Amino acid sequence: MDSPTRTWGLHRVSVLGAVALLVLAWMQEVYADAPLILAVHPYQKYSTLMRKYTPLAGYLSEALRREVVVRIGRDYQDHVAYIGKNRVDIAIMGPVSYVTTVAQYGAKPILARFEINGRPLFQGAIIVRQDSTLGNLSALRGKRFAFGDRASTMSHLVPRFMLSEAGVDVYDLADYQFLGSHDNVALAVLAGDFDAGAVKEEVFYNYQERGLKAIAFTPALSEHLFVARSDLDPEDIQTLRDALYSLGDSERGRAIMRGIKKTMTGMAPAKDADYDNLRGILRTLDDQGVR
């Protein structure tokens, strides 16, 4: 016959085991319902990005039946690391950041890419004043050139590659400077402070009537995109894709896109190979020690 002490001990173990199972079940339920994180790279100030992307987070929350919250990265390196290490669930990425992330951390499921004015591709322009006699890239030798940000795809990296392909190194220029933004480049060329500069296509068209012309356009590159955490549930990945593809089908969705970028008209499918031409450009720049 068991002693009262032994009986109590067995009962206590049984109770503790039951409690442990309840706690484990509760933790699993809490974890399953934890918000998903939508990560955004810090290309504008924090408050502006929160205003732009919070409506999208709400829209995705409804599609998933699970809360989605916005996280703004401290810097581009922080953003890439969080995505690469699967510490966020959904992320918007620029093409260069995407290629960098895949190279460092491996493939990520692509959800969709931007369509701007109906195209999932974007370009840049090499600009001069309309009264300039410069007509091609090789003519820029000995001239003053304005870049935007050193890390910018269309105001530095791709134009730098194009200059090199035309036989013009930056050391062949009379002067070159990084002015920080595409608009600064356009204004500096208009003012005559620089003979030529590099901007994204939409900035060129914004300033064209004020006295700019393009002497070259960059290759067309695949647009900004959304990716998912590598181990996100496949059903959630498909739900996210369907929701993003459907943004253009409702006035609410179109308003969400316009809030992010005025010229955004939809979301399109994408695959990793769509970024191969950019990979080739970046490899050349790496070999030249540009990045």
C-alpha atoms as a PDB file:
ATOM      1  CA  MET A   1       0.000   0.000   0.000  1.00  0.00           C
ATOM      2  CA  ASP A   2       1.360   3.404  -0.996  1.00  0.00           C
ATOM      3  CA  SER A   3       2.154   5.810   1.785  1.00  0.00           C
ATOM      4  CA  PRO A   4       0.315   9.176   1.915  1.00  0.00           C
ATOM      5  CA  THR A   5       3.623  10.898   1.143  1.00  0.00           C
ATOM      6  CA  ARG A   6       4.193   8.799  -1.986  1.00  0.00           C
ATOM      7  CA  THR A   7       0.589   9.269  -3.115  1.00  0.00           C
ATOM      8  CA  TRP A   8       0.905  13.056  -2.691  1.00  0.00           C
ATOM      9  CA  GLY A   9       4.212  13.015  -4.553  1.00  0.00           C
ATOM     10  CA  LEU A  10       2.704  11.180  -7.507  1.00  0.00           C
ATOM     11  CA  HIS A  11      -0.298  13.496  -7.490  1.00  0.00           C
ATOM     12  CA  ARG A  12       1.998  16.523  -7.403  1.00  0.00           C
ATOM     13  CA  VAL A  13       4.011  15.224 -10.385  1.00  0.00           C
ATOM     14  CA  SER A  14       0.782  14.611 -12.265  1.00  0.00           C
ATOM     15  CA  VAL A  15      -0.488  18.119 -11.538  1.00  0.00           C
ATOM     16  CA  LEU A  16       2.825  19.699 -12.489  1.00  0.00           C
ATOM     17  CA  GLY A  17       2.881  17.699 -15.720  1.00  0.00           C
ATOM     18  CA  ALA A  18      -0.622  18.847 -16.580  1.00  0.00           C
ATOM     19  CA  VAL A  19       0.303  22.454 -15.812  1.00  0.00           C
ATOM     20  CA  ALA A  20       3.414  22.161 -17.973  1.00  0.00           C
ATOM     21  CA  LEU A  21       1.340  20.871 -20.866  1.00  0.00           C
ATOM     22  CA  LEU A  22      -1.129  23.720 -20.460  1.00  0.00           C
ATOM     23  CA  VAL A  23       1.697  26.267 -20.382  1.00  0.00           C
ATOM     24  CA  LEU A  24       3.270  24.700 -23.467  1.00  0.00           C
ATOM     25  CA  ALA A  25      -0.045  24.774 -25.313  1.00  0.00           C
ATOM     26  CA  TRP A  26      -0.538  28.405 -24.285  1.00  0.00           C
ATOM     27  CA  MET A  27       2.958  29.333 -25.465  1.00  0.00           C
ATOM     28  CA  GLN A  28       2.375  27.616 -28.798  1.00  0.00           C
ATOM     29  CA  GLU A  29      -0.898  29.494 -29.218  1.00  0.00           C
ATOM     30  CA  VAL A  30       0.745  32.826 -28.346  1.00  0.00           C
ATOM     31  CA  TYR A  31       3.651  32.130 -30.714  1.00  0.00           C
ATOM     32  CA  ALA A  32       1.288  31.142 -33.518  1.00  0.00           C
ATOM     33  CA  ASP A  33      -0.638  34.381 -33.055  1.00  0.00           C
ATOM     34  CA  ALA A  34       2.406  36.622 -32.634  1.00  0.00           C
ATOM     35  CA  PRO A  35       2.428  39.502 -35.130  1.00  0.00           C
ATOM     36  CA  LEU A  36       4.296  39.071 -38.366  1.00  0.00           C
ATOM     37  CA  ILE A  37       6.899  41.755 -39.038  1.00  0.00           C
ATOM     38  CA  LEU A  38       6.930  43.763 -42.267  1.00  0.00           C
ATOM     39  CA  ALA A  39      10.443  45.222 -42.582  1.00  0.00           C
ATOM     40  CA  VAL A  40      11.158  48.401 -44.542  1.00  0.00           C
ATOM     41  CA  HIS A  41      14.578  49.800 -45.426  1.00  0.00           C
ATOM     42  CA  PRO A  42      15.162  53.358 -44.133  1.00  0.00           C
ATOM     43  CA  TYR A  43      15.025  55.264 -47.419  1.00  0.00           C
ATOM     44  CA  GLN A  44      13.011  58.091 -45.847  1.00  0.00           C
ATOM     45  CA  LYS A  45      12.484  59.318 -42.304  1.00  0.00           C
ATOM     46  CA  TYR A  46      10.824  56.983 -39.798  1.00  0.00           C
ATOM     47  CA  SER A  47       7.499  58.808 -39.503  1.00  0.00           C
ATOM     48  CA  THR A  48       7.085  59.023 -43.289  1.00  0.00           C
ATOM     49  CA  LEU A  49       7.723  55.314 -43.778  1.00  0.00           C
ATOM     50  CA  MET A  50       5.345  54.343 -40.979  1.00  0.00           C
ATOM     51  CA  ARG A  51       2.641  56.443 -42.619  1.00  0.00           C
ATOM     52  CA  LYS A  52       3.338  54.869 -46.018  1.00  0.00           C
ATOM     53  CA  TYR A  53       3.421  51.214 -44.940  1.00  0.00           C
ATOM     54  CA  THR A  54       0.968  50.968 -42.024  1.00  0.00           C
ATOM     55  CA  PRO A  55      -2.050  50.770 -44.410  1.00  0.00           C
ATOM     56  CA  LEU A  56      -0.348  47.926 -46.285  1.00  0.00           C
ATOM     57  CA  ALA A  57       0.316  46.125 -42.991  1.00  0.00           C
ATOM     58  CA  GLY A  58      -3.377  46.418 -42.142  1.00  0.00           C
ATOM     59  CA  TYR A  59      -4.371  45.064 -45.539  1.00  0.00           C
ATOM     60  CA  LEU A  60      -2.031  42.078 -45.202  1.00  0.00           C
ATOM     61  CA  SER A  61      -3.279  41.467 -41.647  1.00  0.00           C
ATOM     62  CA  GLU A  62      -6.793  41.015 -42.983  1.00  0.00           C
ATOM     63  CA  ALA A  63      -5.620  38.669 -45.727  1.00  0.00           C
ATOM     64  CA  LEU A  64      -3.640  36.496 -43.292  1.00  0.00           C
ATOM     65  CA  ARG A  65      -6.099  36.840 -40.377  1.00  0.00           C
ATOM     66  CA  ARG A  66      -3.041  37.648 -38.300  1.00  0.00           C
ATOM     67  CA  GLU A  67      -1.574  40.965 -37.230  1.00  0.00           C
ATOM     68  CA  VAL A  68       1.231  42.434 -39.333  1.00  0.00           C
ATOM     69  CA  VAL A  69       3.365  45.243 -37.876  1.00  0.00           C
ATOM     70  CA  VAL A  70       5.906  47.526 -39.545  1.00  0.00           C
ATOM     71  CA  ARG A  71       9.585  47.620 -38.609  1.00  0.00           C
ATOM     72  CA  ILE A  72      11.897  50.292 -40.009  1.00  0.00           C
ATOM     73  CA  GLY A  73      15.542  49.233 -40.239  1.00  0.00           C
ATOM     74  CA  ARG A  74      18.235  51.337 -38.555  1.00  0.00           C
ATOM     75  CA  ASP A  75      20.235  51.331 -41.787  1.00  0.00           C
ATOM     76  CA  TYR A  76      20.565  49.236 -44.946  1.00  0.00           C
ATOM     77  CA  GLN A  77      23.041  46.811 -43.332  1.00  0.00           C
ATOM     78  CA  ASP A  78      20.648  46.245 -40.434  1.00  0.00           C
ATOM     79  CA  HIS A  79      17.792  45.642 -42.883  1.00  0.00           C
ATOM     80  CA  VAL A  80      19.759  43.078 -44.901  1.00  0.00           C
ATOM     81  CA  ALA A  81      20.925  41.258 -41.755  1.00  0.00           C
ATOM     82  CA  TYR A  82      17.419  40.971 -40.304  1.00  0.00           C
ATOM     83  CA  ILE A  83      16.062  39.546 -43.538  1.00  0.00           C
ATOM     84  CA  GLY A  84      19.054  37.298 -44.121  1.00  0.00           C
ATOM     85  CA  LYS A  85      18.858  35.806 -40.622  1.00  0.00           C
ATOM     86  CA  ASN A  86      15.057  35.310 -40.824  1.00  0.00           C
ATOM     87  CA  ARG A  87      14.402  37.751 -37.983  1.00  0.00           C
ATOM     88  CA  VAL A  88      11.565  39.409 -39.919  1.00  0.00           C
ATOM     89  CA  ASP A  89       8.732  37.777 -41.848  1.00  0.00           C
ATOM     90  CA  ILE A  90       8.076  40.042 -44.843  1.00  0.00           C
ATOM     91  CA  ALA A  91      10.364  42.691 -46.287  1.00  0.00           C
ATOM     92  CA  ILE A  92      10.507  45.263 -49.029  1.00  0.00           C
ATOM     93  CA  MET A  93      13.908  45.396 -50.704  1.00  0.00           C
ATOM     94  CA  GLY A  94      15.699  47.424 -53.328  1.00  0.00           C
ATOM     95  CA  PRO A  95      17.267  45.366 -56.126  1.00  0.00           C
ATOM     96  CA  VAL A  96      20.845  45.806 -54.885  1.00  0.00           C
ATOM     97  CA  SER A  97      19.883  44.915 -51.303  1.00  0.00           C
ATOM     98  CA  TYR A  98      18.042  41.831 -52.567  1.00  0.00           C
ATOM     99  CA  VAL A  99      21.009  40.619 -54.627  1.00  0.00           C
ATOM    100  CA  THR A 100      23.320  41.286 -51.656  1.00  0.00           C
ATOM    101  CA  THR A 101      21.040  39.383 -49.263  1.00  0.00           C
ATOM    102  CA  VAL A 102      20.825  36.315 -51.505  1.00  0.00           C
ATOM    103  CA  ALA A 103      24.598  36.299 -52.004  1.00  0.00           C
ATOM    104  CA  GLN A 104      25.274  36.472 -48.262  1.00  0.00           C
ATOM    105  CA  TYR A 105      22.430  34.400 -46.808  1.00  0.00           C
ATOM    106  CA  GLY A 106      20.861  32.319 -49.565  1.00  0.00           C
ATOM    107  CA  ALA A 107      17.585  32.466 -51.464  1.00  0.00           C
ATOM    108  CA  LYS A 108      14.446  34.079 -50.063  1.00  0.00           C
ATOM    109  CA  PRO A 109      10.897  33.444 -51.317  1.00  0.00           C
ATOM    110  CA  ILE A 110       9.940  36.313 -53.643  1.00  0.00           C
ATOM    111  CA  LEU A 111       6.391  37.534 -53.116  1.00  0.00           C
ATOM    112  CA  ALA A 112       5.986  40.244 -55.766  1.00  0.00           C
ATOM    113  CA  ARG A 113       7.744  43.180 -57.386  1.00  0.00           C
ATOM    114  CA  PHE A 114       6.574  46.723 -57.982  1.00  0.00           C
ATOM    115  CA  GLU A 115       4.898  47.819 -61.182  1.00  0.00           C
ATOM    116  CA  ILE A 116       5.517  51.519 -61.818  1.00  0.00           C
ATOM    117  CA  ASN A 117       3.322  53.007 -64.523  1.00  0.00           C
ATOM    118  CA  GLY A 118       2.504  49.465 -65.582  1.00  0.00           C
ATOM    119  CA  ARG A 119       6.128  48.258 -65.829  1.00  0.00           C
ATOM    120  CA  PRO A 120       8.005  45.993 -63.362  1.00  0.00           C
ATOM    121  CA  LEU A 121      11.288  47.462 -64.625  1.00  0.00           C
ATOM    122  CA  PHE A 122      13.084  50.754 -64.020  1.00  0.00           C
ATOM    123  CA  GLN A 123      15.912  52.696 -65.614  1.00  0.00           C
ATOM    124  CA  GLY A 124      18.186  55.627 -65.000  1.00  0.00           C
ATOM    125  CA  ALA A 125      19.427  58.410 -67.226  1.00  0.00           C
ATOM    126  CA  ILE A 126      22.712  60.198 -67.791  1.00  0.00           C
ATOM    127  CA  ILE A 127      21.677  63.833 -68.081  1.00  0.00           C
ATOM    128  CA  VAL A 128      23.130  67.083 -69.402  1.00  0.00           C
ATOM    129  CA  ARG A 129      21.666  70.526 -70.025  1.00  0.00           C
ATOM    130  CA  GLN A 130      19.649  70.871 -73.226  1.00  0.00           C
ATOM    131  CA  ASP A 131      22.131  73.431 -74.546  1.00  0.00           C
ATOM    132  CA  SER A 132      25.077  71.072 -73.949  1.00  0.00           C
ATOM    133  CA  THR A 133      27.098  69.822 -76.914  1.00  0.00           C
ATOM    134  CA  LEU A 134      27.843  66.549 -75.095  1.00  0.00           C
ATOM    135  CA  GLY A 135      26.192  63.684 -76.940  1.00  0.00           C
ATOM    136  CA  ASN A 136      27.565  60.392 -75.587  1.00  0.00           C
ATOM    137  CA  LEU A 137      29.327  58.905 -72.587  1.00  0.00           C
ATOM    138  CA  SER A 138      32.810  58.882 -74.102  1.00  0.00           C
ATOM    139  CA  ALA A 139      32.537  62.677 -74.480  1.00  0.00           C
ATOM    140  CA  LEU A 140      32.419  63.003 -70.671  1.00  0.00           C
ATOM    141  CA  ARG A 141      36.172  62.518 -70.342  1.00  0.00           C
ATOM    142  CA  GLY A 142      37.563  65.669 -68.723  1.00  0.00           C
ATOM    143  CA  LYS A 143      34.095  66.882 -67.650  1.00  0.00           C
ATOM    144  CA  ARG A 144      32.465  67.426 -64.241  1.00  0.00           C
ATOM    145  CA  PHE A 145      30.052  64.673 -63.181  1.00  0.00           C
ATOM    146  CA  ALA A 146      27.454  64.560 -60.383  1.00  0.00           C
ATOM    147  CA  PHE A 147      26.431  61.308 -58.685  1.00  0.00           C
ATOM    148  CA  GLY A 148      23.696  60.988 -56.068  1.00  0.00           C
ATOM    149  CA  ASP A 149      24.247  58.686 -53.101  1.00  0.00           C
ATOM    150  CA  ARG A 150      27.287  56.399 -53.218  1.00  0.00           C
ATOM    151  CA  ALA A 151      25.055  53.339 -52.586  1.00  0.00           C
ATOM    152  CA  SER A 152      22.363  54.322 -55.099  1.00  0.00           C
ATOM    153  CA  THR A 153      21.631  51.931 -57.953  1.00  0.00           C
ATOM    154  CA  MET A 154      20.676  54.550 -60.551  1.00  0.00           C
ATOM    155  CA  SER A 155      22.597  57.594 -59.402  1.00  0.00           C
ATOM    156  CA  HIS A 156      25.954  55.859 -58.904  1.00  0.00           C
ATOM    157  CA  LEU A 157      26.434  52.099 -59.330  1.00  0.00           C
ATOM    158  CA  VAL A 158      24.892  51.445 -62.743  1.00  0.00           C
ATOM    159  CA  PRO A 159      26.061  54.778 -64.236  1.00  0.00           C
ATOM    160  CA  ARG A 160      29.560  54.057 -62.918  1.00  0.00           C
ATOM    161  CA  PHE A 161      29.445  50.726 -64.762  1.00  0.00           C
ATOM    162  CA  MET A 162      28.244  52.469 -67.940  1.00  0.00           C
ATOM    163  CA  LEU A 163      31.040  55.027 -67.799  1.00  0.00           C
ATOM    164  CA  SER A 164      33.571  52.243 -67.404  1.00  0.00           C
ATOM    165  CA  GLU A 165      32.101  50.352 -70.377  1.00  0.00           C
ATOM    166  CA  ALA A 166      32.461  53.569 -72.405  1.00  0.00           C
ATOM    167  CA  GLY A 167      36.130  53.783 -71.431  1.00  0.00           C
ATOM    168  CA  VAL A 168      35.718  56.619 -68.933  1.00  0.00           C
ATOM    169  CA  ASP A 169      36.987  56.047 -65.388  1.00  0.00           C
ATOM    170  CA  VAL A 170      36.063  58.530 -62.685  1.00  0.00           C
ATOM    171  CA  TYR A 171      39.729  59.538 -62.622  1.00  0.00           C
ATOM    172  CA  ASP A 172      39.340  60.603 -66.251  1.00  0.00           C
ATOM    173  CA  LEU A 173      36.765  63.194 -65.147  1.00  0.00           C
ATOM    174  CA  ALA A 174      37.732  66.751 -64.294  1.00  0.00           C
ATOM    175  CA  ASP A 175      35.703  66.404 -61.083  1.00  0.00           C
ATOM    176  CA  TYR A 176      33.042  64.159 -59.603  1.00  0.00           C
ATOM    177  CA  GLN A 177      31.019  64.501 -56.416  1.00  0.00           C
ATOM    178  CA  PHE A 178      28.257  62.692 -54.533  1.00  0.00           C
ATOM    179  CA  LEU A 179      25.369  65.103 -53.955  1.00  0.00           C
ATOM    180  CA  GLY A 180      23.165  62.770 -51.893  1.00  0.00           C
ATOM    181  CA  SER A 181      19.957  62.661 -53.933  1.00  0.00           C
ATOM    182  CA  HIS A 182      18.655  62.435 -57.484  1.00  0.00           C
ATOM    183  CA  ASP A 183      16.980  65.828 -57.233  1.00  0.00           C
ATOM    184  CA  ASN A 184      20.223  67.446 -56.098  1.00  0.00           C
ATOM    185  CA  VAL A 185      21.949  66.004 -59.169  1.00  0.00           C
ATOM    186  CA  ALA A 186      19.282  67.322 -61.545  1.00  0.00           C
ATOM    187  CA  LEU A 187      19.370  70.791 -60.003  1.00  0.00           C
ATOM    188  CA  ALA A 188      23.174  70.931 -60.025  1.00  0.00           C
ATOM    189  CA  VAL A 189      23.310  70.029 -63.727  1.00  0.00           C
ATOM    190  CA  LEU A 190      20.617  72.605 -64.515  1.00  0.00           C
ATOM    191  CA  ALA A 191      22.586  75.234 -62.602  1.00  0.00           C
ATOM    192  CA  GLY A 192      25.721  74.452 -64.607  1.00  0.00           C
ATOM    193  CA  ASP A 193      27.686  73.315 -61.550  1.00  0.00           C
ATOM    194  CA  PHE A 194      28.296  69.985 -63.326  1.00  0.00           C
ATOM    195  CA  ASP A 195      28.420  69.061 -66.992  1.00  0.00           C
ATOM    196  CA  ALA A 196      26.519  65.808 -66.516  1.00  0.00           C
ATOM    197  CA  GLY A 197      24.949  63.638 -63.852  1.00  0.00           C
ATOM    198  CA  ALA A 198      23.075  60.415 -63.133  1.00  0.00           C
ATOM    199  CA  VAL A 199      19.448  60.203 -61.973  1.00  0.00           C
ATOM    200  CA  LYS A 200      16.592  57.734 -62.006  1.00  0.00           C
ATOM    201  CA  GLU A 201      14.283  57.952 -65.004  1.00  0.00           C
ATOM    202  CA  GLU A 202      11.338  59.586 -63.243  1.00  0.00           C
ATOM    203  CA  VAL A 203      13.537  62.410 -61.909  1.00  0.00           C
ATOM    204  CA  PHE A 204      14.819  63.092 -65.414  1.00  0.00           C
ATOM    205  CA  TYR A 205      11.261  63.380 -66.721  1.00  0.00           C
ATOM    206  CA  ASN A 206      10.304  65.628 -63.790  1.00  0.00           C
ATOM    207  CA  TYR A 207      13.039  68.096 -64.762  1.00  0.00           C
ATOM    208  CA  GLN A 208      13.185  67.573 -68.523  1.00  0.00           C
ATOM    209  CA  GLU A 209      11.026  70.595 -69.373  1.00  0.00           C
ATOM    210  CA  ARG A 210      13.191  72.767 -67.143  1.00  0.00           C
ATOM    211  CA  GLY A 211      16.138  72.229 -69.464  1.00  0.00           C
ATOM    212  CA  LEU A 212      17.561  68.707 -69.265  1.00  0.00           C
ATOM    213  CA  LYS A 213      18.202  66.053 -71.889  1.00  0.00           C
ATOM    214  CA  ALA A 214      19.393  62.463 -71.617  1.00  0.00           C
ATOM    215  CA  ILE A 215      22.464  61.298 -73.509  1.00  0.00           C
ATOM    216  CA  ALA A 216      22.112  57.679 -72.348  1.00  0.00           C
ATOM    217  CA  PHE A 217      19.731  55.421 -70.448  1.00  0.00           C
ATOM    218  CA  THR A 218      20.772  52.579 -68.184  1.00  0.00           C
ATOM    219  CA  PRO A 219      19.799  48.959 -68.850  1.00  0.00           C
ATOM    220  CA  ALA A 220      16.291  48.140 -67.594  1.00  0.00           C
ATOM    221  CA  LEU A 221      16.464  46.505 -64.167  1.00  0.00           C
ATOM    222  CA  SER A 222      13.867  44.542 -62.236  1.00  0.00           C
ATOM    223  CA  GLU A 223      11.977  46.695 -59.749  1.00  0.00           C
ATOM    224  CA  HIS A 224      11.888  46.770 -55.938  1.00  0.00           C
ATOM    225  CA  LEU A 225      10.315  43.663 -54.460  1.00  0.00           C
ATOM    226  CA  PHE A 226       8.787  41.971 -51.432  1.00  0.00           C
ATOM    227  CA  VAL A 227      10.345  38.815 -50.009  1.00  0.00           C
ATOM    228  CA  ALA A 228       9.394  36.464 -47.175  1.00  0.00           C
ATOM    229  CA  ARG A 229      11.230  34.690 -44.384  1.00  0.00           C
ATOM    230  CA  SER A 230      12.764  31.458 -45.679  1.00  0.00           C
ATOM    231  CA  ASP A 231      10.799  29.237 -43.304  1.00  0.00           C
ATOM    232  CA  LEU A 232       7.478  31.080 -43.388  1.00  0.00           C
ATOM    233  CA  ASP A 233       4.514  28.733 -43.794  1.00  0.00           C
ATOM    234  CA  PRO A 234       3.983  28.039 -47.534  1.00  0.00           C
ATOM    235  CA  GLU A 235       0.257  28.769 -47.178  1.00  0.00           C
ATOM    236  CA  ASP A 236       1.060  32.182 -45.706  1.00  0.00           C
ATOM    237  CA  ILE A 237       3.501  32.840 -48.558  1.00  0.00           C
ATOM    238  CA  GLN A 238       0.818  32.079 -51.142  1.00  0.00           C
ATOM    239  CA  THR A 239      -1.731  34.189 -49.262  1.00  0.00           C
ATOM    240  CA  LEU A 240       0.717  37.106 -49.252  1.00  0.00           C
ATOM    241  CA  ARG A 241       1.397  36.731 -52.973  1.00  0.00           C
ATOM    242  CA  ASP A 242      -2.304  36.658 -53.792  1.00  0.00           C
ATOM    243  CA  ALA A 243      -2.956  39.694 -51.599  1.00  0.00           C
ATOM    244  CA  LEU A 244      -0.143  41.713 -53.174  1.00  0.00           C
ATOM    245  CA  TYR A 245      -1.150  40.761 -56.728  1.00  0.00           C
ATOM    246  CA  SER A 246      -4.718  41.880 -55.907  1.00  0.00           C
ATOM    247  CA  LEU A 247      -3.800  45.379 -54.721  1.00  0.00           C
ATOM    248  CA  GLY A 248      -4.638  46.873 -58.102  1.00  0.00           C
ATOM    249  CA  ASP A 249      -8.129  45.327 -58.118  1.00  0.00           C
ATOM    250  CA  SER A 250      -9.734  47.666 -55.565  1.00  0.00           C
ATOM    251  CA  GLU A 251      -9.741  51.378 -54.831  1.00  0.00           C
ATOM    252  CA  ARG A 252      -8.444  50.625 -51.340  1.00  0.00           C
ATOM    253  CA  GLY A 253      -5.523  48.666 -52.777  1.00  0.00           C
ATOM    254  CA  ARG A 254      -4.750  51.345 -55.341  1.00  0.00           C
ATOM    255  CA  ALA A 255      -4.784  53.985 -52.605  1.00  0.00           C
ATOM    256  CA  ILE A 256      -2.351  51.890 -50.531  1.00  0.00           C
ATOM    257  CA  MET A 257       0.018  51.695 -53.492  1.00  0.00           C
ATOM    258  CA  ARG A 258      -0.245  55.411 -54.266  1.00  0.00           C
ATOM    259  CA  GLY A 259       0.543  56.091 -50.626  1.00  0.00           C
ATOM    260  CA  ILE A 260       3.802  54.165 -51.009  1.00  0.00           C
ATOM    261  CA  LYS A 261       4.697  55.581 -54.428  1.00  0.00           C
ATOM    262  CA  LYS A 262       2.447  57.820 -56.506  1.00  0.00           C
ATOM    263  CA  THR A 263       3.302  56.078 -59.771  1.00  0.00           C
ATOM    264  CA  MET A 264       2.826  52.519 -58.482  1.00  0.00           C
ATOM    265  CA  THR A 265       0.095  50.781 -60.469  1.00  0.00           C
ATOM    266  CA  GLY A 266       0.359  47.158 -59.367  1.00  0.00           C
ATOM    267  CA  MET A 267       2.377  44.216 -58.121  1.00  0.00           C
ATOM    268  CA  ALA A 268       3.788  41.643 -60.521  1.00  0.00           C
ATOM    269  CA  PRO A 269       5.275  38.153 -60.195  1.00  0.00           C
ATOM    270  CA  ALA A 270       9.060  37.908 -60.132  1.00  0.00           C
ATOM    271  CA  LYS A 271      11.752  35.267 -60.006  1.00  0.00           C
ATOM    272  CA  ASP A 272      15.351  35.377 -58.867  1.00  0.00           C
ATOM    273  CA  ALA A 273      16.682  35.278 -62.435  1.00  0.00           C
ATOM    274  CA  ASP A 274      15.025  38.648 -63.108  1.00  0.00           C
ATOM    275  CA  TYR A 275      17.912  40.187 -61.143  1.00  0.00           C
ATOM    276  CA  ASP A 276      20.740  38.430 -63.019  1.00  0.00           C
ATOM    277  CA  ASN A 277      21.650  41.434 -65.190  1.00  0.00           C
ATOM    278  CA  LEU A 278      22.104  43.508 -62.023  1.00  0.00           C
ATOM    279  CA  ARG A 279      24.253  40.733 -60.545  1.00  0.00           C
ATOM    280  CA  GLY A 280      26.536  40.927 -63.565  1.00  0.00           C
ATOM    281  CA  ILE A 281      26.903  44.702 -63.205  1.00  0.00           C
ATOM    282  CA  LEU A 282      27.666  44.420 -59.495  1.00  0.00           C
ATOM    283  CA  ARG A 283      30.260  41.694 -60.087  1.00  0.00           C
ATOM    284  CA  THR A 284      32.047  43.967 -62.544  1.00  0.00           C
ATOM    285  CA  LEU A 285      31.981  46.845 -60.068  1.00  0.00           C
ATOM    286  CA  ASP A 286      33.275  44.560 -57.299  1.00  0.00           C
ATOM    287  CA  ASP A 287      36.138  43.467 -59.539  1.00  0.00           C
ATOM    288  CA  GLN A 288      36.950  47.131 -60.095  1.00  0.00           C
ATOM    289  CA  GLY A 289      36.844  47.845 -56.346  1.00  0.00           C
ATOM    290  CA  VAL A 290      33.934  50.292 -56.721  1.00  0.00           C
ATOM    291  CA  ARG A 291      31.744  48.774 -53.992  1.00  0.00           C
END
